[in-house]
Protein backbone atom coordinates (compact mmCIF):
# COMPACT_ATOMS: atom_id res chain seq x y z
CA ILE A 1 -1.44 5.41 -5.19
CA ASN A 2 -5.14 4.85 -5.70
CA ASN A 3 -7.76 7.58 -6.09
CA LYS A 4 -8.37 7.78 -2.33
CA GLY A 5 -4.74 8.71 -1.76
CA ASN A 6 -3.90 5.44 -0.03
CA HIS A 7 -0.64 3.73 -0.87
CA LEU A 8 -1.15 0.33 -2.40
CA LEU A 9 1.32 -2.39 -1.52
CA VAL A 10 3.43 -3.37 -4.49
CA SER A 11 2.98 -7.03 -5.28
CA GLU A 12 6.05 -9.23 -5.11
CA GLU A 13 5.79 -10.05 -8.82
CA ALA A 14 6.01 -6.39 -9.77
CA SER A 15 9.18 -6.03 -7.70
CA ILE A 16 10.77 -9.03 -9.39
CA ASN A 17 10.51 -7.22 -12.73
CA VAL A 18 12.31 -4.10 -11.50
CA PRO A 19 15.67 -3.90 -13.28
CA ALA A 20 18.67 -4.20 -11.01
CA ILE A 21 21.04 -1.24 -10.93
CA ALA A 22 23.99 -3.15 -9.52
CA ALA A 23 25.18 -6.56 -8.46
CA ALA A 24 26.74 -7.23 -5.09
CA HIS A 25 28.28 -10.21 -3.40
CA VAL A 26 27.55 -10.96 0.21
CA THR A 27 30.43 -10.45 2.63
CA LYS A 28 28.43 -10.87 5.87
CA ARG A 29 25.64 -13.37 6.45
CA TYR A 30 22.30 -11.74 7.20
CA THR A 31 19.07 -13.28 8.47
CA ALA A 32 15.85 -11.40 7.82
CA GLN A 33 14.33 -9.81 10.93
CA ALA A 34 11.09 -8.85 9.15
CA THR A 35 8.97 -10.08 6.26
CA ASP A 36 10.29 -7.38 3.92
CA GLU A 37 13.95 -8.29 4.46
CA LEU A 38 16.28 -10.70 2.68
CA THR A 39 18.20 -13.61 4.16
CA PHE A 40 21.50 -14.51 2.52
CA GLU A 41 24.79 -16.28 3.11
CA VAL A 42 28.37 -15.15 2.53
CA GLY A 43 29.23 -15.60 -1.13
CA ASP A 44 25.67 -15.17 -2.40
CA ILE A 45 25.02 -12.69 -5.20
CA VAL A 46 22.31 -10.08 -4.72
CA SER A 47 20.85 -7.87 -7.46
CA VAL A 48 20.55 -4.38 -6.04
CA ILE A 49 17.35 -2.53 -7.03
CA ASP A 50 17.57 0.53 -4.83
CA MET A 51 20.67 2.09 -3.26
CA PRO A 52 19.82 5.15 -1.16
CA PRO A 53 22.87 7.05 0.14
CA LYS A 54 24.31 5.55 3.32
CA GLU A 55 23.66 8.87 5.10
CA ASP A 56 19.90 8.45 4.50
CA THR A 57 19.59 4.80 5.43
CA GLY A 58 21.83 1.81 5.91
CA TRP A 59 19.37 -0.34 3.98
CA TRP A 60 19.31 -1.20 0.31
CA ARG A 61 16.62 -3.11 -1.57
CA GLY A 62 17.48 -6.02 -3.76
CA LYS A 63 16.61 -9.38 -5.24
CA HIS A 64 17.98 -12.68 -4.09
CA GLY A 65 16.55 -15.58 -6.05
CA PHE A 66 12.80 -14.97 -6.15
CA GLN A 67 12.80 -12.87 -3.00
CA VAL A 68 12.72 -9.09 -3.01
CA GLY A 69 13.51 -7.20 0.14
CA PHE A 70 15.70 -4.91 2.19
CA PHE A 71 19.13 -5.72 3.58
CA PRO A 72 21.93 -3.84 5.39
CA CYS A 73 24.26 -2.38 2.78
CA ASP A 74 27.30 -3.14 4.94
CA CYS A 75 26.64 -6.87 4.47
CA VAL A 76 27.43 -6.71 0.76
CA GLU A 77 30.14 -5.39 -1.51
CA LEU A 78 29.27 -4.04 -4.93
CA ILE A 79 30.83 -5.93 -7.80
CA ASN A 80 32.96 -3.80 -10.16
CA GLU A 81 32.58 -0.70 -8.01
CA LYS A 82 36.03 -0.71 -6.49
CA ILE A 83 39.11 -2.73 -7.23
CA PRO A 84 40.49 -4.59 -4.22
CA PRO A 85 43.89 -3.28 -3.05
CA SER A 86 45.49 -6.64 -3.83
CA VAL A 87 44.56 -6.20 -7.50
CA GLN A 88 45.65 -2.56 -7.65
CA ASN A 89 49.09 -3.41 -6.28
CA SER A 90 49.73 -6.06 -8.91
CA VAL A 91 48.95 -3.72 -11.84
CA PRO A 92 52.20 -2.38 -13.29
CA LYS A 93 52.47 1.40 -13.09
CA PRO A 94 53.00 3.22 -16.40
CA GLY A 95 56.60 4.25 -17.01
CA THR A 96 58.22 1.55 -14.86
CA GLY A 97 60.03 -1.51 -16.22
């Protein structure tokens, strides 16, 4: 914010240097509908910068290559957040065998 109280637009380069808080892989292709959105394909990896709760907004902010922008959080799945059921089922339970 400058001294007149106006919000200054953050330059793209500044956003690129924001540390990512999570990594996600794309499960649904998304094409940007606005200049501040990301376009990605299934299987792409996105670095998540900002993850507001889903109740607040369905949009997260992230980096994909040299682009920084918003994307629908239901198009990606966080890596290492939850173990897929197929993996859980194959893990032997303690006390059996």
